[in-house]
Amino acid sequence: MSRYRPPRPAGTPLITPEGEARLRAELHELWHVKRPQVTQSVSEAAAQGDRSENAEYTYGKKMLREIDSRVRFLTKRLEKLKVVSERPSDPGKVYFGAWVTLEDEDGEQARYRIVGPDELDLKQGLISIDSPLARALVGKPLDAEVRVQTPTGDKLWYIVAIDYQP
């Protein structure tokens, strides 16, 4: 059995200006702050002698590989992304970047922003444009019914508000 795992599909190449800024900040932090620190600690550990039993050296090299892998991913991903900063021509419908307030059949409300897959964060209410809910919402006007297949069955939501403020 091989350890090879095919790469994940990259997802939609769209991102908000805020999301791009976060990815660029992460890239800067990794390349200009963390990597030099880890490189310094690896060189100090290497100077201690026998590397085969030196846990600090082994762990440091592993950290360097992880940092380099993430830096490569971010660099390639940022080249492919398209920043969507302009508002849509029809702000009365749901499109990329919209904050959407939904109400379910029980009257409970939830607010989500449709963002790119690189920005996904459910705790902040950010859902990926590739998610089933976002796909069902895109193009729908205010007061529309949206039915989405969930693991617990069909769920019905009503669009209560649409806002394009960041």
N, C-alpha and C. Protein backbone atom coordinates (compact mmCIF):
# COMPACT_ATOMS: atom_id res chain seq x y z
N MET A 1 0.85 -1.18 0.00
CA MET A 1 0.00 0.00 0.00
C MET A 1 0.89 1.24 0.00
N SER A 2 0.66 2.12 -0.92
CA SER A 2 1.51 3.29 -1.05
C SER A 2 1.01 4.44 -0.19
N ARG A 3 1.88 5.37 0.12
CA ARG A 3 1.52 6.53 0.93
C ARG A 3 1.07 7.70 0.06
N TYR A 4 1.10 7.51 -1.26
CA TYR A 4 0.74 8.60 -2.17
C TYR A 4 -0.73 8.96 -2.01
N ARG A 5 -0.98 10.23 -1.87
CA ARG A 5 -2.34 10.75 -1.85
C ARG A 5 -2.44 11.78 -2.96
N PRO A 6 -3.42 11.63 -3.85
CA PRO A 6 -3.54 12.63 -4.91
C PRO A 6 -3.88 13.99 -4.31
N PRO A 7 -3.45 15.06 -4.96
CA PRO A 7 -3.73 16.39 -4.42
C PRO A 7 -5.22 16.68 -4.42
N ARG A 8 -5.63 17.47 -3.42
CA ARG A 8 -7.03 17.87 -3.33
C ARG A 8 -7.36 18.82 -4.48
N PRO A 9 -8.60 18.82 -4.92
CA PRO A 9 -8.98 19.83 -5.90
C PRO A 9 -8.85 21.21 -5.25
N ALA A 10 -8.35 22.18 -5.99
CA ALA A 10 -8.04 23.49 -5.43
C ALA A 10 -9.28 24.30 -5.06
N GLY A 11 -10.39 24.05 -5.66
CA GLY A 11 -11.58 24.82 -5.37
C GLY A 11 -11.65 26.05 -6.26
N THR A 12 -12.70 26.80 -6.09
CA THR A 12 -12.92 28.00 -6.89
C THR A 12 -11.80 29.01 -6.63
N PRO A 13 -11.21 29.59 -7.68
CA PRO A 13 -10.09 30.52 -7.48
C PRO A 13 -10.53 31.95 -7.19
N LEU A 14 -11.52 32.13 -6.33
CA LEU A 14 -11.98 33.46 -5.96
C LEU A 14 -11.63 33.73 -4.51
N ILE A 15 -11.38 35.00 -4.19
CA ILE A 15 -11.06 35.37 -2.82
C ILE A 15 -11.46 36.83 -2.60
N THR A 16 -11.83 37.16 -1.37
CA THR A 16 -12.14 38.55 -1.03
C THR A 16 -10.83 39.28 -0.74
N PRO A 17 -10.84 40.61 -0.78
CA PRO A 17 -9.61 41.35 -0.45
C PRO A 17 -9.09 41.05 0.97
N GLU A 18 -10.02 40.85 1.91
CA GLU A 18 -9.62 40.53 3.28
C GLU A 18 -8.93 39.17 3.35
N GLY A 19 -9.47 38.21 2.61
CA GLY A 19 -8.88 36.86 2.57
C GLY A 19 -7.51 36.87 1.95
N GLU A 20 -7.34 37.64 0.87
CA GLU A 20 -6.02 37.74 0.25
C GLU A 20 -5.02 38.35 1.21
N ALA A 21 -5.44 39.38 1.94
CA ALA A 21 -4.55 40.02 2.91
C ALA A 21 -4.12 39.03 3.99
N ARG A 22 -5.06 38.18 4.45
CA ARG A 22 -4.72 37.17 5.47
C ARG A 22 -3.72 36.16 4.93
N LEU A 23 -3.92 35.69 3.68
CA LEU A 23 -2.99 34.72 3.11
C LEU A 23 -1.61 35.34 2.90
N ARG A 24 -1.56 36.59 2.44
CA ARG A 24 -0.27 37.27 2.26
C ARG A 24 0.43 37.49 3.60
N ALA A 25 -0.34 37.81 4.64
CA ALA A 25 0.24 37.99 5.98
C ALA A 25 0.80 36.66 6.50
N GLU A 26 0.08 35.57 6.26
CA GLU A 26 0.57 34.25 6.68
C GLU A 26 1.86 33.90 5.94
N LEU A 27 1.89 34.16 4.64
CA LEU A 27 3.09 33.89 3.85
C LEU A 27 4.27 34.71 4.36
N HIS A 28 4.04 35.98 4.63
CA HIS A 28 5.11 36.85 5.14
C HIS A 28 5.61 36.35 6.50
N GLU A 29 4.68 36.00 7.38
CA GLU A 29 5.03 35.49 8.71
C GLU A 29 5.88 34.22 8.61
N LEU A 30 5.46 33.29 7.76
CA LEU A 30 6.19 32.03 7.61
C LEU A 30 7.60 32.27 7.04
N TRP A 31 7.69 33.08 5.98
CA TRP A 31 8.95 33.24 5.27
C TRP A 31 9.93 34.15 6.00
N HIS A 32 9.45 35.24 6.59
CA HIS A 32 10.33 36.24 7.18
C HIS A 32 10.48 36.15 8.69
N VAL A 33 9.62 35.39 9.37
CA VAL A 33 9.71 35.31 10.82
C VAL A 33 9.99 33.87 11.28
N LYS A 34 9.06 32.95 10.98
CA LYS A 34 9.20 31.59 11.50
C LYS A 34 10.36 30.82 10.88
N ARG A 35 10.50 30.89 9.55
CA ARG A 35 11.55 30.11 8.90
C ARG A 35 12.95 30.50 9.40
N PRO A 36 13.28 31.80 9.50
CA PRO A 36 14.60 32.15 10.04
C PRO A 36 14.82 31.66 11.48
N GLN A 37 13.75 31.68 12.29
CA GLN A 37 13.87 31.19 13.67
C GLN A 37 14.17 29.69 13.69
N VAL A 38 13.42 28.94 12.90
CA VAL A 38 13.61 27.49 12.86
C VAL A 38 14.98 27.15 12.26
N THR A 39 15.39 27.87 11.23
CA THR A 39 16.70 27.64 10.62
C THR A 39 17.81 27.87 11.64
N GLN A 40 17.68 28.91 12.44
CA GLN A 40 18.66 29.20 13.49
C GLN A 40 18.71 28.07 14.52
N SER A 41 17.54 27.60 14.95
CA SER A 41 17.51 26.53 15.95
C SER A 41 18.07 25.22 15.38
N VAL A 42 17.84 24.95 14.08
CA VAL A 42 18.40 23.75 13.45
C VAL A 42 19.92 23.84 13.38
N SER A 43 20.43 25.01 13.03
CA SER A 43 21.89 25.14 12.95
C SER A 43 22.54 25.03 14.33
N GLU A 44 21.87 25.52 15.36
CA GLU A 44 22.38 25.36 16.73
C GLU A 44 22.36 23.89 17.15
N ALA A 45 21.29 23.19 16.79
CA ALA A 45 21.18 21.77 17.14
C ALA A 45 22.22 20.96 16.36
N ALA A 46 22.48 21.34 15.12
CA ALA A 46 23.47 20.62 14.30
C ALA A 46 24.87 20.80 14.87
N ALA A 47 25.12 21.94 15.49
CA ALA A 47 26.44 22.21 16.06
C ALA A 47 26.72 21.39 17.31
N GLN A 48 25.70 20.77 17.87
CA GLN A 48 25.88 19.99 19.09
C GLN A 48 26.49 18.62 18.84
N GLY A 49 26.63 18.24 17.57
CA GLY A 49 27.30 16.97 17.29
C GLY A 49 26.42 15.97 16.60
N ASP A 50 26.35 14.76 17.15
CA ASP A 50 25.66 13.62 16.54
C ASP A 50 24.21 13.95 16.20
N ARG A 51 23.91 13.95 14.92
CA ARG A 51 22.56 14.34 14.47
C ARG A 51 21.58 13.17 14.50
N SER A 52 22.08 11.95 14.51
CA SER A 52 21.18 10.80 14.45
C SER A 52 20.33 10.66 15.71
N GLU A 53 20.82 11.11 16.84
CA GLU A 53 20.06 11.01 18.08
C GLU A 53 19.68 12.38 18.62
N ASN A 54 19.75 13.38 17.77
CA ASN A 54 19.48 14.74 18.19
C ASN A 54 18.02 15.08 17.85
N ALA A 55 17.16 15.02 18.84
CA ALA A 55 15.72 15.24 18.63
C ALA A 55 15.44 16.68 18.18
N GLU A 56 16.18 17.63 18.71
CA GLU A 56 15.96 19.02 18.32
C GLU A 56 16.26 19.22 16.84
N TYR A 57 17.32 18.59 16.36
CA TYR A 57 17.69 18.70 14.95
C TYR A 57 16.63 18.04 14.07
N THR A 58 16.20 16.84 14.43
CA THR A 58 15.20 16.10 13.66
C THR A 58 13.88 16.87 13.62
N TYR A 59 13.44 17.36 14.77
CA TYR A 59 12.19 18.11 14.84
C TYR A 59 12.30 19.41 14.04
N GLY A 60 13.44 20.08 14.14
CA GLY A 60 13.65 21.33 13.40
C GLY A 60 13.60 21.12 11.90
N LYS A 61 14.23 20.04 11.42
CA LYS A 61 14.20 19.73 9.98
C LYS A 61 12.77 19.43 9.53
N LYS A 62 12.02 18.74 10.37
CA LYS A 62 10.62 18.45 10.04
C LYS A 62 9.81 19.75 9.97
N MET A 63 10.03 20.65 10.91
CA MET A 63 9.35 21.94 10.89
C MET A 63 9.70 22.73 9.64
N LEU A 64 10.96 22.70 9.23
CA LEU A 64 11.38 23.39 8.01
C LEU A 64 10.66 22.84 6.78
N ARG A 65 10.53 21.51 6.71
CA ARG A 65 9.81 20.91 5.59
C ARG A 65 8.35 21.36 5.57
N GLU A 66 7.71 21.41 6.75
CA GLU A 66 6.32 21.83 6.82
C GLU A 66 6.17 23.30 6.42
N ILE A 67 7.06 24.15 6.89
CA ILE A 67 7.02 25.57 6.55
C ILE A 67 7.23 25.75 5.05
N ASP A 68 8.23 25.07 4.49
CA ASP A 68 8.51 25.19 3.06
C ASP A 68 7.34 24.69 2.22
N SER A 69 6.71 23.63 2.66
CA SER A 69 5.55 23.10 1.93
C SER A 69 4.41 24.11 1.93
N ARG A 70 4.13 24.71 3.07
CA ARG A 70 3.06 25.71 3.17
C ARG A 70 3.40 26.96 2.36
N VAL A 71 4.66 27.38 2.37
CA VAL A 71 5.10 28.54 1.59
C VAL A 71 4.90 28.27 0.10
N ARG A 72 5.28 27.08 -0.36
CA ARG A 72 5.08 26.71 -1.77
C ARG A 72 3.61 26.75 -2.13
N PHE A 73 2.77 26.15 -1.27
CA PHE A 73 1.34 26.13 -1.52
C PHE A 73 0.78 27.55 -1.61
N LEU A 74 1.11 28.40 -0.62
CA LEU A 74 0.58 29.77 -0.61
C LEU A 74 1.04 30.57 -1.82
N THR A 75 2.30 30.41 -2.19
CA THR A 75 2.84 31.15 -3.34
C THR A 75 2.10 30.77 -4.61
N LYS A 76 1.93 29.48 -4.85
CA LYS A 76 1.22 29.02 -6.04
C LYS A 76 -0.25 29.42 -6.01
N ARG A 77 -0.86 29.28 -4.85
CA ARG A 77 -2.30 29.59 -4.73
C ARG A 77 -2.56 31.08 -4.94
N LEU A 78 -1.72 31.94 -4.37
CA LEU A 78 -1.92 33.38 -4.53
C LEU A 78 -1.76 33.83 -5.98
N GLU A 79 -0.93 33.12 -6.75
CA GLU A 79 -0.78 33.45 -8.17
C GLU A 79 -2.06 33.16 -8.94
N LYS A 80 -2.80 32.12 -8.54
CA LYS A 80 -3.98 31.68 -9.27
C LYS A 80 -5.27 32.39 -8.84
N LEU A 81 -5.27 32.98 -7.65
CA LEU A 81 -6.50 33.56 -7.12
C LEU A 81 -6.89 34.85 -7.81
N LYS A 82 -8.20 35.06 -7.91
CA LYS A 82 -8.75 36.30 -8.46
C LYS A 82 -9.46 37.02 -7.32
N VAL A 83 -9.00 38.23 -7.01
CA VAL A 83 -9.59 39.02 -5.93
C VAL A 83 -10.86 39.69 -6.45
N VAL A 84 -11.97 39.43 -5.74
CA VAL A 84 -13.25 40.02 -6.11
C VAL A 84 -13.54 41.14 -5.11
N SER A 85 -13.37 42.38 -5.57
CA SER A 85 -13.57 43.51 -4.67
C SER A 85 -14.75 44.38 -5.07
N GLU A 86 -15.20 44.29 -6.31
CA GLU A 86 -16.32 45.13 -6.74
C GLU A 86 -17.65 44.49 -6.36
N ARG A 87 -18.62 45.36 -6.13
CA ARG A 87 -19.97 44.89 -5.82
C ARG A 87 -20.64 44.40 -7.09
N PRO A 88 -21.59 43.49 -6.96
CA PRO A 88 -22.30 43.02 -8.15
C PRO A 88 -23.22 44.11 -8.69
N SER A 89 -23.61 43.97 -9.95
CA SER A 89 -24.49 44.97 -10.56
C SER A 89 -25.89 44.94 -9.95
N ASP A 90 -26.31 43.79 -9.42
CA ASP A 90 -27.62 43.67 -8.78
C ASP A 90 -27.44 43.28 -7.31
N PRO A 91 -27.33 44.28 -6.40
CA PRO A 91 -27.10 43.96 -4.99
C PRO A 91 -28.32 43.34 -4.29
N GLY A 92 -29.42 43.18 -5.00
CA GLY A 92 -30.61 42.55 -4.43
C GLY A 92 -30.58 41.04 -4.52
N LYS A 93 -29.51 40.50 -5.12
CA LYS A 93 -29.36 39.05 -5.22
C LYS A 93 -28.06 38.63 -4.54
N VAL A 94 -27.99 37.35 -4.20
CA VAL A 94 -26.83 36.81 -3.51
C VAL A 94 -25.75 36.43 -4.51
N TYR A 95 -24.55 36.99 -4.30
CA TYR A 95 -23.39 36.65 -5.11
C TYR A 95 -22.18 36.52 -4.20
N PHE A 96 -21.03 36.26 -4.79
CA PHE A 96 -19.79 36.10 -4.03
C PHE A 96 -19.53 37.35 -3.18
N GLY A 97 -19.17 37.14 -1.92
CA GLY A 97 -18.84 38.24 -1.02
C GLY A 97 -20.02 38.75 -0.22
N ALA A 98 -21.21 38.25 -0.47
CA ALA A 98 -22.41 38.75 0.22
C ALA A 98 -22.53 38.19 1.63
N TRP A 99 -22.99 39.04 2.53
CA TRP A 99 -23.42 38.59 3.85
C TRP A 99 -24.91 38.27 3.71
N VAL A 100 -25.30 37.06 4.03
CA VAL A 100 -26.68 36.62 3.86
C VAL A 100 -27.24 36.20 5.22
N THR A 101 -28.37 36.78 5.59
CA THR A 101 -29.06 36.38 6.81
C THR A 101 -30.18 35.44 6.42
N LEU A 102 -30.14 34.26 7.01
CA LEU A 102 -31.13 33.22 6.71
C LEU A 102 -31.99 32.94 7.93
N GLU A 103 -33.23 32.56 7.67
CA GLU A 103 -34.13 32.16 8.75
C GLU A 103 -34.66 30.78 8.41
N ASP A 104 -34.61 29.88 9.39
CA ASP A 104 -35.13 28.53 9.12
C ASP A 104 -36.61 28.45 9.48
N GLU A 105 -37.17 27.26 9.34
CA GLU A 105 -38.60 27.07 9.58
C GLU A 105 -39.00 27.32 11.03
N ASP A 106 -38.03 27.20 11.96
CA ASP A 106 -38.30 27.42 13.38
C ASP A 106 -38.14 28.88 13.79
N GLY A 107 -37.76 29.73 12.84
CA GLY A 107 -37.60 31.15 13.14
C GLY A 107 -36.20 31.53 13.61
N GLU A 108 -35.29 30.57 13.64
CA GLU A 108 -33.91 30.88 14.07
C GLU A 108 -33.14 31.47 12.90
N GLN A 109 -32.35 32.51 13.20
CA GLN A 109 -31.59 33.18 12.15
C GLN A 109 -30.11 32.84 12.22
N ALA A 110 -29.49 32.85 11.07
CA ALA A 110 -28.04 32.63 10.95
C ALA A 110 -27.53 33.58 9.87
N ARG A 111 -26.30 34.07 10.07
CA ARG A 111 -25.72 35.01 9.10
C ARG A 111 -24.42 34.43 8.57
N TYR A 112 -24.30 34.36 7.24
CA TYR A 112 -23.12 33.80 6.60
C TYR A 112 -22.61 34.75 5.52
N ARG A 113 -21.30 34.67 5.28
CA ARG A 113 -20.72 35.40 4.16
C ARG A 113 -20.17 34.37 3.18
N ILE A 114 -20.47 34.55 1.91
CA ILE A 114 -19.99 33.63 0.88
C ILE A 114 -18.61 34.08 0.44
N VAL A 115 -17.61 33.25 0.70
CA VAL A 115 -16.22 33.57 0.42
C VAL A 115 -15.56 32.42 -0.34
N GLY A 116 -14.30 32.60 -0.69
CA GLY A 116 -13.55 31.55 -1.38
C GLY A 116 -13.21 30.41 -0.44
N PRO A 117 -12.84 29.25 -0.99
CA PRO A 117 -12.54 28.09 -0.16
C PRO A 117 -11.32 28.29 0.75
N ASP A 118 -10.44 29.22 0.43
CA ASP A 118 -9.26 29.48 1.26
C ASP A 118 -9.59 30.29 2.51
N GLU A 119 -10.79 30.85 2.57
CA GLU A 119 -11.18 31.72 3.69
C GLU A 119 -12.16 31.06 4.65
N LEU A 120 -12.56 29.85 4.38
CA LEU A 120 -13.59 29.14 5.14
C LEU A 120 -13.32 29.21 6.65
N ASP A 121 -14.32 29.69 7.40
CA ASP A 121 -14.24 29.75 8.86
C ASP A 121 -15.66 29.83 9.41
N LEU A 122 -16.21 28.70 9.81
CA LEU A 122 -17.60 28.67 10.26
C LEU A 122 -17.82 29.47 11.54
N LYS A 123 -16.80 29.56 12.40
CA LYS A 123 -16.95 30.33 13.64
C LYS A 123 -17.20 31.80 13.35
N GLN A 124 -16.65 32.31 12.26
CA GLN A 124 -16.87 33.71 11.87
C GLN A 124 -18.03 33.85 10.89
N GLY A 125 -18.67 32.75 10.54
CA GLY A 125 -19.79 32.78 9.61
C GLY A 125 -19.37 32.84 8.15
N LEU A 126 -18.16 32.41 7.85
CA LEU A 126 -17.67 32.43 6.48
C LEU A 126 -17.83 31.04 5.87
N ILE A 127 -18.62 30.95 4.79
CA ILE A 127 -18.82 29.66 4.13
C ILE A 127 -18.25 29.73 2.72
N SER A 128 -17.76 28.61 2.25
CA SER A 128 -17.13 28.52 0.94
C SER A 128 -18.18 28.58 -0.16
N ILE A 129 -17.82 29.24 -1.24
CA ILE A 129 -18.71 29.31 -2.41
C ILE A 129 -18.94 27.92 -3.00
N ASP A 130 -18.06 26.97 -2.68
CA ASP A 130 -18.18 25.60 -3.16
C ASP A 130 -19.12 24.75 -2.29
N SER A 131 -19.57 25.27 -1.16
CA SER A 131 -20.44 24.49 -0.27
C SER A 131 -21.84 24.38 -0.85
N PRO A 132 -22.57 23.33 -0.49
CA PRO A 132 -23.93 23.15 -1.01
C PRO A 132 -24.86 24.33 -0.66
N LEU A 133 -24.73 24.88 0.54
CA LEU A 133 -25.58 26.01 0.93
C LEU A 133 -25.29 27.23 0.06
N ALA A 134 -24.02 27.55 -0.13
CA ALA A 134 -23.66 28.72 -0.94
C ALA A 134 -24.10 28.53 -2.38
N ARG A 135 -23.92 27.33 -2.92
CA ARG A 135 -24.36 27.07 -4.30
C ARG A 135 -25.86 27.28 -4.44
N ALA A 136 -26.61 26.88 -3.41
CA ALA A 136 -28.06 27.05 -3.45
C ALA A 136 -28.45 28.52 -3.32
N LEU A 137 -27.64 29.32 -2.61
CA LEU A 137 -27.96 30.73 -2.38
C LEU A 137 -27.62 31.63 -3.56
N VAL A 138 -26.55 31.32 -4.29
CA VAL A 138 -26.06 32.22 -5.34
C VAL A 138 -27.14 32.46 -6.40
N GLY A 139 -27.37 33.75 -6.67
CA GLY A 139 -28.35 34.15 -7.67
C GLY A 139 -29.76 34.33 -7.15
N LYS A 140 -30.00 33.98 -5.88
CA LYS A 140 -31.34 34.08 -5.31
C LYS A 140 -31.59 35.51 -4.79
N PRO A 141 -32.84 36.01 -4.95
CA PRO A 141 -33.17 37.35 -4.45
C PRO A 141 -33.59 37.31 -2.98
N LEU A 142 -33.83 38.47 -2.43
CA LEU A 142 -34.33 38.62 -1.06
C LEU A 142 -35.69 37.93 -0.96
N ASP A 143 -35.98 37.33 0.19
CA ASP A 143 -37.24 36.63 0.48
C ASP A 143 -37.41 35.32 -0.28
N ALA A 144 -36.36 34.81 -0.90
CA ALA A 144 -36.47 33.55 -1.64
C ALA A 144 -36.35 32.37 -0.67
N GLU A 145 -36.97 31.26 -1.05
CA GLU A 145 -36.84 30.01 -0.31
C GLU A 145 -35.65 29.25 -0.87
N VAL A 146 -34.86 28.68 0.03
CA VAL A 146 -33.70 27.90 -0.39
C VAL A 146 -33.78 26.54 0.30
N ARG A 147 -33.79 25.49 -0.50
CA ARG A 147 -33.83 24.12 0.04
C ARG A 147 -32.47 23.47 -0.22
N VAL A 148 -31.88 22.93 0.85
CA VAL A 148 -30.55 22.32 0.75
C VAL A 148 -30.59 20.93 1.35
N GLN A 149 -29.97 19.99 0.66
CA GLN A 149 -29.84 18.62 1.17
C GLN A 149 -28.73 18.60 2.21
N THR A 150 -29.05 18.23 3.45
CA THR A 150 -28.07 18.12 4.53
C THR A 150 -27.99 16.66 4.97
N PRO A 151 -26.99 16.31 5.76
CA PRO A 151 -26.90 14.92 6.24
C PRO A 151 -28.12 14.48 7.05
N THR A 152 -28.83 15.44 7.66
CA THR A 152 -30.01 15.09 8.44
C THR A 152 -31.30 15.19 7.63
N GLY A 153 -31.19 15.49 6.34
CA GLY A 153 -32.36 15.59 5.47
C GLY A 153 -32.45 16.97 4.85
N ASP A 154 -33.53 17.20 4.11
CA ASP A 154 -33.73 18.50 3.48
C ASP A 154 -33.94 19.58 4.53
N LYS A 155 -33.35 20.74 4.29
CA LYS A 155 -33.50 21.87 5.20
C LYS A 155 -33.96 23.06 4.37
N LEU A 156 -34.93 23.82 4.89
CA LEU A 156 -35.48 24.95 4.18
C LEU A 156 -35.10 26.24 4.89
N TRP A 157 -34.57 27.21 4.14
CA TRP A 157 -34.21 28.52 4.68
C TRP A 157 -34.88 29.60 3.84
N TYR A 158 -35.07 30.75 4.46
CA TYR A 158 -35.59 31.92 3.77
C TYR A 158 -34.53 33.01 3.86
N ILE A 159 -34.29 33.70 2.75
CA ILE A 159 -33.31 34.78 2.74
C ILE A 159 -33.97 36.03 3.31
N VAL A 160 -33.48 36.48 4.46
CA VAL A 160 -34.06 37.61 5.17
C VAL A 160 -33.35 38.92 4.83
N ALA A 161 -32.01 38.85 4.65
CA ALA A 161 -31.24 40.07 4.34
C ALA A 161 -30.03 39.73 3.52
N ILE A 162 -29.64 40.68 2.64
CA ILE A 162 -28.45 40.54 1.82
C ILE A 162 -27.66 41.84 1.96
N ASP A 163 -26.38 41.72 2.31
CA ASP A 163 -25.55 42.90 2.53
C ASP A 163 -24.18 42.65 1.93
N TYR A 164 -23.60 43.67 1.32
CA TYR A 164 -22.28 43.52 0.70
C TYR A 164 -21.20 44.31 1.43
N GLN A 165 -21.43 44.66 2.70
CA GLN A 165 -20.41 45.34 3.49
C GLN A 165 -19.40 44.32 4.01
N PRO A 166 -18.10 44.65 4.01
CA PRO A 166 -17.10 43.69 4.51
C PRO A 166 -17.14 43.47 5.97
